[in-house]
Amino acid sequence: MYNGNSNLAYDLSLFEVDEEYERKKEQKREEKSHIRITEKKSVARNGSVFATVVSAVLCIAVAFSILYSKVELAEYTAMISEVKTQLETEQRENNRLNAELDSMVTLDNVESIAASELGLQKTQNSQINFVTLNTEKMTEVAHTDTNIFVSIKEWFYDVLEYLGF
């Protein structure tokens, strides 16, 4: 912007177009574009196709492994649920058999099996005998032999007991 109070002069040479400078600039631009084109071709020939194929194969392998793990997980989940149902069935069968066993061991059932299969009968009052015991304190002394040989034998046993044998 122009300031009327200023004594600065504009350098108009900055706005002039230098043909030599423009020509060199254009030549450099062409060299850069030529180099870029040749570099792109050499990169494409050297491995970008190979890298693309390798990365595509890796992506497919990762996708396949994820899919395979999901399938395996589903199979194991199905197996677990099948085994759980089988376990529940077996537990119900076990409970039923335990209840049946408990009903077979009742006193009435044992009594009927003893009577029908074994031919046993209930005892009658005439078959019961009562034994009365003397409740008084009583001691019986055994008859001792006073034979000389028996005395020597007892003395010998007493000596052995004293010695600790």
C-alpha atoms as a PDB file:
ATOM      1  CA  MET A   1       0.000   0.000   0.000  1.00  0.00           C
ATOM      2  CA  TYR A   2       1.110   3.428  -0.755  1.00  0.00           C
ATOM      3  CA  ASN A   3       1.908   5.651   2.136  1.00  0.00           C
ATOM      4  CA  GLY A   4       2.005   9.307   1.107  1.00  0.00           C
ATOM      5  CA  ASN A   5       4.241  10.385   3.939  1.00  0.00           C
ATOM      6  CA  SER A   6       7.038   7.978   3.091  1.00  0.00           C
ATOM      7  CA  ASN A   7      10.112   8.739   1.041  1.00  0.00           C
ATOM      8  CA  LEU A   8      10.758   5.096   0.122  1.00  0.00           C
ATOM      9  CA  ALA A   9      11.140   4.204  -3.484  1.00  0.00           C
ATOM     10  CA  TYR A  10      10.027   0.933  -4.930  1.00  0.00           C
ATOM     11  CA  ASP A  11      12.582  -1.433  -6.467  1.00  0.00           C
ATOM     12  CA  LEU A  12      10.873  -2.176  -9.749  1.00  0.00           C
ATOM     13  CA  SER A  13      13.607  -4.574 -10.834  1.00  0.00           C
ATOM     14  CA  LEU A  14      12.037  -7.169  -8.582  1.00  0.00           C
ATOM     15  CA  PHE A  15       9.021  -7.224 -10.822  1.00  0.00           C
ATOM     16  CA  GLU A  16      10.937  -7.601 -14.048  1.00  0.00           C
ATOM     17  CA  VAL A  17      11.050 -11.027 -15.599  1.00  0.00           C
ATOM     18  CA  ASP A  18      14.528 -12.331 -16.268  1.00  0.00           C
ATOM     19  CA  GLU A  19      14.369 -14.605 -19.292  1.00  0.00           C
ATOM     20  CA  GLU A  20      17.601 -16.426 -18.494  1.00  0.00           C
ATOM     21  CA  TYR A  21      16.406 -17.150 -14.997  1.00  0.00           C
ATOM     22  CA  GLU A  22      13.049 -18.425 -16.252  1.00  0.00           C
ATOM     23  CA  ARG A  23      14.727 -20.688 -18.809  1.00  0.00           C
ATOM     24  CA  LYS A  24      17.006 -22.268 -16.182  1.00  0.00           C
ATOM     25  CA  LYS A  25      14.073 -22.736 -13.884  1.00  0.00           C
ATOM     26  CA  GLU A  26      12.090 -24.515 -16.617  1.00  0.00           C
ATOM     27  CA  GLN A  27      15.078 -26.707 -17.459  1.00  0.00           C
ATOM     28  CA  LYS A  28      15.436 -27.804 -13.816  1.00  0.00           C
ATOM     29  CA  ARG A  29      11.735 -28.566 -13.652  1.00  0.00           C
ATOM     30  CA  GLU A  30      12.028 -30.801 -16.716  1.00  0.00           C
ATOM     31  CA  GLU A  31      15.022 -32.624 -15.242  1.00  0.00           C
ATOM     32  CA  LYS A  32      13.152 -33.266 -12.013  1.00  0.00           C
ATOM     33  CA  SER A  33      10.086 -34.549 -13.833  1.00  0.00           C
ATOM     34  CA  HIS A  34      12.291 -36.803 -15.990  1.00  0.00           C
ATOM     35  CA  ILE A  35      14.026 -38.190 -12.904  1.00  0.00           C
ATOM     36  CA  ARG A  36      10.767 -38.796 -11.132  1.00  0.00           C
ATOM     37  CA  ILE A  37       9.364 -40.728 -14.036  1.00  0.00           C
ATOM     38  CA  THR A  38      12.417 -42.930 -14.324  1.00  0.00           C
ATOM     39  CA  GLU A  39      12.509 -43.464 -10.539  1.00  0.00           C
ATOM     40  CA  LYS A  40       8.875 -44.508 -10.476  1.00  0.00           C
ATOM     41  CA  LYS A  41       9.477 -46.999 -13.240  1.00  0.00           C
ATOM     42  CA  SER A  42      12.485 -48.464 -11.484  1.00  0.00           C
ATOM     43  CA  VAL A  43      10.608 -48.768  -8.164  1.00  0.00           C
ATOM     44  CA  ALA A  44       7.727 -50.501  -9.910  1.00  0.00           C
ATOM     45  CA  ARG A  45      10.110 -52.902 -11.581  1.00  0.00           C
ATOM     46  CA  ASN A  46      12.155 -53.508  -8.457  1.00  0.00           C
ATOM     47  CA  GLY A  47       9.518 -54.690  -6.013  1.00  0.00           C
ATOM     48  CA  SER A  48       6.272 -52.853  -5.566  1.00  0.00           C
ATOM     49  CA  VAL A  49       4.417 -55.632  -7.410  1.00  0.00           C
ATOM     50  CA  PHE A  50       6.160 -58.235  -5.261  1.00  0.00           C
ATOM     51  CA  ALA A  51       5.401 -56.261  -2.099  1.00  0.00           C
ATOM     52  CA  THR A  52       1.770 -55.945  -3.165  1.00  0.00           C
ATOM     53  CA  VAL A  53       1.463 -59.685  -3.770  1.00  0.00           C
ATOM     54  CA  VAL A  54       3.175 -60.522  -0.473  1.00  0.00           C
ATOM     55  CA  SER A  55       0.978 -58.125   1.492  1.00  0.00           C
ATOM     56  CA  ALA A  56      -2.153 -59.515  -0.208  1.00  0.00           C
ATOM     57  CA  VAL A  57      -1.110 -63.068   0.647  1.00  0.00           C
ATOM     58  CA  LEU A  58      -0.431 -62.055   4.247  1.00  0.00           C
ATOM     59  CA  CYS A  59      -3.827 -60.378   4.506  1.00  0.00           C
ATOM     60  CA  ILE A  60      -5.540 -63.488   3.146  1.00  0.00           C
ATOM     61  CA  ALA A  61      -3.576 -65.705   5.565  1.00  0.00           C
ATOM     62  CA  VAL A  62      -4.543 -63.538   8.539  1.00  0.00           C
ATOM     63  CA  ALA A  63      -8.207 -63.536   7.473  1.00  0.00           C
ATOM     64  CA  PHE A  64      -8.134 -67.313   7.017  1.00  0.00           C
ATOM     65  CA  SER A  65      -6.525 -67.875  10.427  1.00  0.00           C
ATOM     66  CA  ILE A  66      -9.123 -65.681  12.125  1.00  0.00           C
ATOM     67  CA  LEU A  67     -11.924 -67.515  10.349  1.00  0.00           C
ATOM     68  CA  TYR A  68     -10.404 -70.891  11.255  1.00  0.00           C
ATOM     69  CA  SER A  69     -10.086 -69.913  14.920  1.00  0.00           C
ATOM     70  CA  LYS A  70     -13.741 -68.856  14.964  1.00  0.00           C
ATOM     71  CA  VAL A  71     -14.768 -72.226  13.472  1.00  0.00           C
ATOM     72  CA  GLU A  72     -12.693 -74.120  16.048  1.00  0.00           C
ATOM     73  CA  LEU A  73     -14.177 -72.019  18.838  1.00  0.00           C
ATOM     74  CA  ALA A  74     -17.703 -72.791  17.628  1.00  0.00           C
ATOM     75  CA  GLU A  75     -16.920 -76.531  17.486  1.00  0.00           C
ATOM     76  CA  TYR A  76     -15.513 -76.541  21.014  1.00  0.00           C
ATOM     77  CA  THR A  77     -18.481 -74.570  22.303  1.00  0.00           C
ATOM     78  CA  ALA A  78     -20.850 -77.114  20.748  1.00  0.00           C
ATOM     79  CA  MET A  79     -18.871 -79.985  22.292  1.00  0.00           C
ATOM     80  CA  ILE A  80     -18.968 -78.339  25.726  1.00  0.00           C
ATOM     81  CA  SER A  81     -22.725 -77.798  25.579  1.00  0.00           C
ATOM     82  CA  GLU A  82     -23.229 -81.414  24.447  1.00  0.00           C
ATOM     83  CA  VAL A  83     -21.151 -82.744  27.341  1.00  0.00           C
ATOM     84  CA  LYS A  84     -22.993 -80.477  29.794  1.00  0.00           C
ATOM     85  CA  THR A  85     -26.353 -81.864  28.651  1.00  0.00           C
ATOM     86  CA  GLN A  86     -25.017 -85.402  28.934  1.00  0.00           C
ATOM     87  CA  LEU A  87     -23.745 -84.632  32.457  1.00  0.00           C
ATOM     88  CA  GLU A  88     -27.141 -83.274  33.494  1.00  0.00           C
ATOM     89  CA  THR A  89     -28.840 -86.390  32.113  1.00  0.00           C
ATOM     90  CA  GLU A  90     -26.462 -88.663  33.991  1.00  0.00           C
ATOM     91  CA  GLN A  91     -26.975 -86.693  37.221  1.00  0.00           C
ATOM     92  CA  ARG A  92     -30.752 -87.046  36.905  1.00  0.00           C
ATOM     93  CA  GLU A  93     -30.340 -90.796  36.307  1.00  0.00           C
ATOM     94  CA  ASN A  94     -28.055 -91.034  39.361  1.00  0.00           C
ATOM     95  CA  ASN A  95     -30.629 -89.248  41.522  1.00  0.00           C
ATOM     96  CA  ARG A  96     -33.368 -91.572  40.271  1.00  0.00           C
ATOM     97  CA  LEU A  97     -31.283 -94.675  40.998  1.00  0.00           C
ATOM     98  CA  ASN A  98     -30.392 -93.389  44.485  1.00  0.00           C
ATOM     99  CA  ALA A  99     -34.080 -92.814  45.233  1.00  0.00           C
ATOM    100  CA  GLU A 100     -34.886 -96.311  43.989  1.00  0.00           C
ATOM    101  CA  LEU A 101     -32.118 -97.763  46.167  1.00  0.00           C
ATOM    102  CA  ASP A 102     -33.398 -95.873  49.193  1.00  0.00           C
ATOM    103  CA  SER A 103     -36.898 -97.233  48.603  1.00  0.00           C
ATOM    104  CA  MET A 104     -35.535-100.780  48.344  1.00  0.00           C
ATOM    105  CA  VAL A 105     -33.737-100.575  51.705  1.00  0.00           C
ATOM    106  CA  THR A 106     -36.778 -99.653  53.793  1.00  0.00           C
ATOM    107  CA  LEU A 107     -37.613-101.897  56.751  1.00  0.00           C
ATOM    108  CA  ASP A 108     -40.891-103.121  55.241  1.00  0.00           C
ATOM    109  CA  ASN A 109     -39.142-104.061  51.990  1.00  0.00           C
ATOM    110  CA  VAL A 110     -36.362-105.936  53.819  1.00  0.00           C
ATOM    111  CA  GLU A 111     -38.966-107.744  55.931  1.00  0.00           C
ATOM    112  CA  SER A 112     -40.950-108.853  52.880  1.00  0.00           C
ATOM    113  CA  ILE A 113     -37.805-110.064  51.058  1.00  0.00           C
ATOM    114  CA  ALA A 114     -36.706-112.014  54.167  1.00  0.00           C
ATOM    115  CA  ALA A 115     -40.102-113.678  54.410  1.00  0.00           C
ATOM    116  CA  SER A 116     -40.648-114.422  50.717  1.00  0.00           C
ATOM    117  CA  GLU A 117     -37.181-115.225  49.376  1.00  0.00           C
ATOM    118  CA  LEU A 118     -35.381-116.528  52.475  1.00  0.00           C
ATOM    119  CA  GLY A 119     -38.311-118.167  54.270  1.00  0.00           C
ATOM    120  CA  LEU A 120     -37.737-116.313  57.516  1.00  0.00           C
ATOM    121  CA  GLN A 121     -40.522-115.553  59.997  1.00  0.00           C
ATOM    122  CA  LYS A 122     -41.037-113.133  62.804  1.00  0.00           C
ATOM    123  CA  THR A 123     -40.262-114.453  66.271  1.00  0.00           C
ATOM    124  CA  GLN A 124     -43.175-115.314  68.527  1.00  0.00           C
ATOM    125  CA  ASN A 125     -43.377-114.896  72.253  1.00  0.00           C
ATOM    126  CA  SER A 126     -42.940-118.603  72.852  1.00  0.00           C
ATOM    127  CA  GLN A 127     -39.587-118.538  71.090  1.00  0.00           C
ATOM    128  CA  ILE A 128     -38.084-115.859  73.330  1.00  0.00           C
ATOM    129  CA  ASN A 129     -35.973-117.055  76.271  1.00  0.00           C
ATOM    130  CA  PHE A 130     -34.851-114.681  78.943  1.00  0.00           C
ATOM    131  CA  VAL A 131     -31.614-115.255  80.842  1.00  0.00           C
ATOM    132  CA  THR A 132     -31.326-113.881  84.335  1.00  0.00           C
ATOM    133  CA  LEU A 133     -27.930-113.123  85.710  1.00  0.00           C
ATOM    134  CA  ASN A 134     -26.887-112.827  89.291  1.00  0.00           C
ATOM    135  CA  THR A 135     -26.025-109.209  89.806  1.00  0.00           C
ATOM    136  CA  GLU A 136     -24.276-109.763  93.103  1.00  0.00           C
ATOM    137  CA  LYS A 137     -20.521-109.467  93.224  1.00  0.00           C
ATOM    138  CA  MET A 138     -19.048-112.871  93.078  1.00  0.00           C
ATOM    139  CA  THR A 139     -15.498-114.214  92.788  1.00  0.00           C
ATOM    140  CA  GLU A 140     -14.447-117.680  91.924  1.00  0.00           C
ATOM    141  CA  VAL A 141     -10.997-118.874  92.818  1.00  0.00           C
ATOM    142  CA  ALA A 142      -9.498-121.516  90.612  1.00  0.00           C
ATOM    143  CA  HIS A 143      -8.163-124.694  92.145  1.00  0.00           C
ATOM    144  CA  THR A 144      -4.378-124.550  92.458  1.00  0.00           C
ATOM    145  CA  ASP A 145      -2.140-127.560  92.008  1.00  0.00           C
ATOM    146  CA  THR A 146       0.418-127.908  94.737  1.00  0.00           C
ATOM    147  CA  ASN A 147       2.639-130.171  92.703  1.00  0.00           C
ATOM    148  CA  ILE A 148       6.384-129.502  93.084  1.00  0.00           C
ATOM    149  CA  PHE A 149       6.909-129.178  89.341  1.00  0.00           C
ATOM    150  CA  VAL A 150       4.193-126.581  89.044  1.00  0.00           C
ATOM    151  CA  SER A 151       5.778-124.592  91.890  1.00  0.00           C
ATOM    152  CA  ILE A 152       9.212-124.679  90.199  1.00  0.00           C
ATOM    153  CA  LYS A 153       7.633-123.615  86.897  1.00  0.00           C
ATOM    154  CA  GLU A 154       5.863-120.664  88.541  1.00  0.00           C
ATOM    155  CA  TRP A 155       9.092-119.656  90.361  1.00  0.00           C
ATOM    156  CA  PHE A 156      10.973-119.799  87.043  1.00  0.00           C
ATOM    157  CA  TYR A 157       8.333-117.584  85.372  1.00  0.00           C
ATOM    158  CA  ASP A 158       8.523-115.133  88.261  1.00  0.00           C
ATOM    159  CA  VAL A 159      12.325-114.881  87.889  1.00  0.00           C
ATOM    160  CA  LEU A 160      12.004-114.274  84.147  1.00  0.00           C
ATOM    161  CA  GLU A 161       9.388-111.582  84.753  1.00  0.00           C
ATOM    162  CA  TYR A 162      11.659-109.926  87.312  1.00  0.00           C
ATOM    163  CA  LEU A 163      14.534-109.893  84.806  1.00  0.00           C
ATOM    164  CA  GLY A 164      12.302-108.307  82.166  1.00  0.00           C
ATOM    165  CA  PHE A 165      11.844-111.167  79.707  1.00  0.00           C
END
